[in-house]
């Protein structure tokens, strides 16, 4: 049987991932609304909603891609 580690191990460092922000498609009302919600959320510091809007914009109808 092996002995347990009796000393602290170094912290695991994870890379910082900064993905570019999703952009709305010109002329799409759904994209425009998501961008507006994102802008209002950012203005009040609601970064969870900002992140959600970026995900929704990235997935907003697959036909945009």
Protein backbone atom coordinates (compact mmCIF):
# COMPACT_ATOMS: atom_id res chain seq x y z
CA UNK A 1 0.00 0.00 0.00
CA UNK A 2 1.33 3.46 -0.83
CA UNK A 3 1.73 6.26 1.68
CA UNK A 4 -0.56 9.30 1.32
CA UNK A 5 1.00 12.58 0.24
CA UNK A 6 1.87 14.57 3.35
CA UNK A 7 2.78 17.85 1.70
CA UNK A 8 0.70 20.36 -0.20
CA UNK A 9 0.75 20.12 -3.95
CA UNK A 10 1.02 23.21 -6.17
CA UNK A 11 -2.15 24.82 -7.46
CA UNK A 12 -3.36 23.89 -10.93
CA UNK A 13 -3.23 26.89 -13.25
CA UNK A 14 -5.89 27.04 -15.93
CA UNK A 15 -5.54 29.24 -19.03
CA UNK A 16 -7.65 32.38 -19.28
CA UNK A 17 -10.06 32.03 -22.19
CA UNK A 18 -11.36 35.27 -23.67
CA UNK A 19 -13.64 34.40 -26.55
CA UNK A 20 -14.68 37.27 -28.83
CA UNK A 21 -18.14 38.63 -28.16
CA UNK A 22 -20.92 37.47 -30.49
CA UNK A 23 -22.20 40.08 -32.93
CA UNK A 24 -25.82 40.53 -34.03
CA UNK A 25 -26.77 39.81 -37.64
CA UNK A 26 -27.75 42.93 -39.57
CA UNK A 27 -31.50 43.20 -40.09
CA UNK A 28 -32.49 40.46 -37.61
CA UNK A 29 -34.93 41.67 -34.95
CA UNK A 30 -34.08 38.76 -32.63
CA UNK A 31 -30.37 39.55 -32.75
CA UNK A 32 -31.04 43.25 -32.21
CA UNK A 33 -33.14 42.52 -29.11
CA UNK A 34 -30.47 40.23 -27.66
CA UNK A 35 -27.81 42.89 -28.28
CA UNK A 36 -30.00 45.51 -26.54
CA UNK A 37 -30.56 43.26 -23.53
CA UNK A 38 -26.82 42.58 -23.39
CA UNK A 39 -26.02 46.31 -23.48
CA UNK A 40 -28.52 47.09 -20.70
CA UNK A 41 -27.19 44.21 -18.58
CA UNK A 42 -23.61 45.38 -19.03
CA UNK A 43 -24.61 48.92 -17.98
CA UNK A 44 -25.82 47.63 -14.60
CA UNK A 45 -22.99 45.13 -14.13
CA UNK A 46 -25.07 41.98 -14.74
CA UNK A 47 -22.33 39.95 -16.40
CA UNK A 48 -24.30 36.71 -16.12
CA UNK A 49 -26.94 38.09 -18.46
CA UNK A 50 -24.22 39.50 -20.74
CA UNK A 51 -22.72 36.03 -21.00
CA UNK A 52 -26.13 34.43 -21.60
CA UNK A 53 -26.89 36.90 -24.39
CA UNK A 54 -23.54 36.12 -26.03
CA UNK A 55 -24.40 32.41 -25.98
CA UNK A 56 -27.89 33.05 -27.39
CA UNK A 57 -26.49 35.33 -30.10
CA UNK A 58 -23.95 32.67 -31.05
CA UNK A 59 -26.68 30.04 -31.33
CA UNK A 60 -29.43 32.29 -32.74
CA UNK A 61 -30.90 30.62 -35.70
CA UNK A 62 -28.36 28.39 -37.25
CA UNK A 63 -29.38 29.89 -40.62
CA UNK A 64 -27.36 33.00 -39.72
CA UNK A 65 -24.09 31.15 -40.16
